[in-house]
C-alpha atoms as a PDB file:
ATOM      1  CA  MET A   1       4.661 -18.238   3.361  1.00  0.00           C
ATOM      2  CA  ILE A   2       4.520 -15.992   0.571  1.00  0.00           C
ATOM      3  CA  LEU A   3       5.444 -12.216   0.239  1.00  0.00           C
ATOM      4  CA  GLU A   4       4.197 -10.223  -2.503  1.00  0.00           C
ATOM      5  CA  ALA A   5       5.254  -7.172  -3.398  1.00  0.00           C
ATOM      6  CA  VAL A   6       3.796  -4.549  -5.681  1.00  0.00           C
ATOM      7  CA  MET A   7       4.837  -1.258  -7.005  1.00  0.00           C
ATOM      8  CA  LEU A   8       2.223   1.143  -7.125  1.00  0.00           C
ATOM      9  CA  GLN A   9       2.240   4.733  -8.894  1.00  0.00           C
ATOM     10  CA  VAL A  10      -0.330   7.419  -7.750  1.00  0.00           C
ATOM     11  CA  ARG A  11      -1.250  10.321  -9.644  1.00  0.00           C
ATOM     12  CA  GLU A  12       0.781  13.314  -8.729  1.00  0.00           C
ATOM     13  CA  GLY A  13      -1.149  15.369  -5.772  1.00  0.00           C
ATOM     14  CA  MET A  14      -3.245  12.564  -4.913  1.00  0.00           C
ATOM     15  CA  GLU A  15      -0.318  11.018  -2.513  1.00  0.00           C
ATOM     16  CA  GLU A  16      -2.454  12.256   0.690  1.00  0.00           C
ATOM     17  CA  GLU A  17      -5.634  10.839  -0.992  1.00  0.00           C
ATOM     18  CA  TYR A  18      -4.345   7.527  -1.230  1.00  0.00           C
ATOM     19  CA  GLU A  19      -3.131   7.445   1.625  1.00  0.00           C
ATOM     20  CA  LYS A  20      -6.162   7.951   3.653  1.00  0.00           C
ATOM     21  CA  THR A  21      -7.993   5.416   1.351  1.00  0.00           C
ATOM     22  CA  PHE A  22      -5.672   2.921   1.983  1.00  0.00           C
ATOM     23  CA  LYS A  23      -5.837   2.762   5.646  1.00  0.00           C
ATOM     24  CA  LYS A  24      -9.275   2.444   4.966  1.00  0.00           C
ATOM     25  CA  ALA A  25      -8.930  -0.953   2.747  1.00  0.00           C
ATOM     26  CA  SER A  26      -6.009  -2.063   5.474  1.00  0.00           C
ATOM     27  CA  SER A  27      -9.029  -3.213   7.568  1.00  0.00           C
ATOM     28  CA  ILE A  28     -10.385  -5.137   4.761  1.00  0.00           C
ATOM     29  CA  ILE A  29      -6.766  -6.387   3.537  1.00  0.00           C
ATOM     30  CA  SER A  30      -6.280  -7.834   7.556  1.00  0.00           C
ATOM     31  CA  LYS A  31      -9.320  -9.914   7.288  1.00  0.00           C
ATOM     32  CA  MET A  32      -8.437 -11.748   4.371  1.00  0.00           C
ATOM     33  CA  LYS A  33      -8.023 -15.313   4.856  1.00  0.00           C
ATOM     34  CA  GLY A  34      -4.032 -16.510   5.742  1.00  0.00           C
ATOM     35  CA  TYR A  35      -3.378 -12.761   6.380  1.00  0.00           C
ATOM     36  CA  ILE A  36      -0.584 -12.071   7.812  1.00  0.00           C
ATOM     37  CA  HIS A  37       0.844  -8.685   7.618  1.00  0.00           C
ATOM     38  CA  HIS A  38       1.209  -5.311   5.170  1.00  0.00           C
ATOM     39  CA  GLU A  39       2.649  -2.471   4.800  1.00  0.00           C
ATOM     40  CA  LEU A  40       2.870   0.356   2.172  1.00  0.00           C
ATOM     41  CA  GLN A  41       6.220   2.549   1.594  1.00  0.00           C
ATOM     42  CA  ARG A  42       6.354   5.474   0.361  1.00  0.00           C
ATOM     43  CA  CYS A  43       9.030   5.832  -2.044  1.00  0.00           C
ATOM     44  CA  ILE A  44      11.545   9.032  -1.172  1.00  0.00           C
ATOM     45  CA  GLU A  45      13.418   9.083  -4.487  1.00  0.00           C
ATOM     46  CA  GLN A  46       9.755   9.764  -6.953  1.00  0.00           C
ATOM     47  CA  LYS A  47       7.050  11.260  -6.341  1.00  0.00           C
ATOM     48  CA  GLY A  48       3.480   9.167  -5.920  1.00  0.00           C
ATOM     49  CA  LYS A  49       5.499   5.707  -6.042  1.00  0.00           C
ATOM     50  CA  TYR A  50       4.828   3.464  -3.522  1.00  0.00           C
ATOM     51  CA  LEU A  51       6.029  -0.313  -2.476  1.00  0.00           C
ATOM     52  CA  LEU A  52       3.477  -2.862  -1.404  1.00  0.00           C
ATOM     53  CA  LEU A  53       4.264  -5.398   0.754  1.00  0.00           C
ATOM     54  CA  ILE A  54       1.493  -8.536   1.864  1.00  0.00           C
END
């Protein structure tokens, strides 16, 4: 199994829109060959920073 970790920086004030868009993209990600699980975590120390685990 491979775990990919991606740090994402979202422009300040765009976090809510990003999260809504990511929910839509999640349905595409989950249909990829070999897909097991993914999660998006919002950083509590830095505004607009996310960790994506695939």
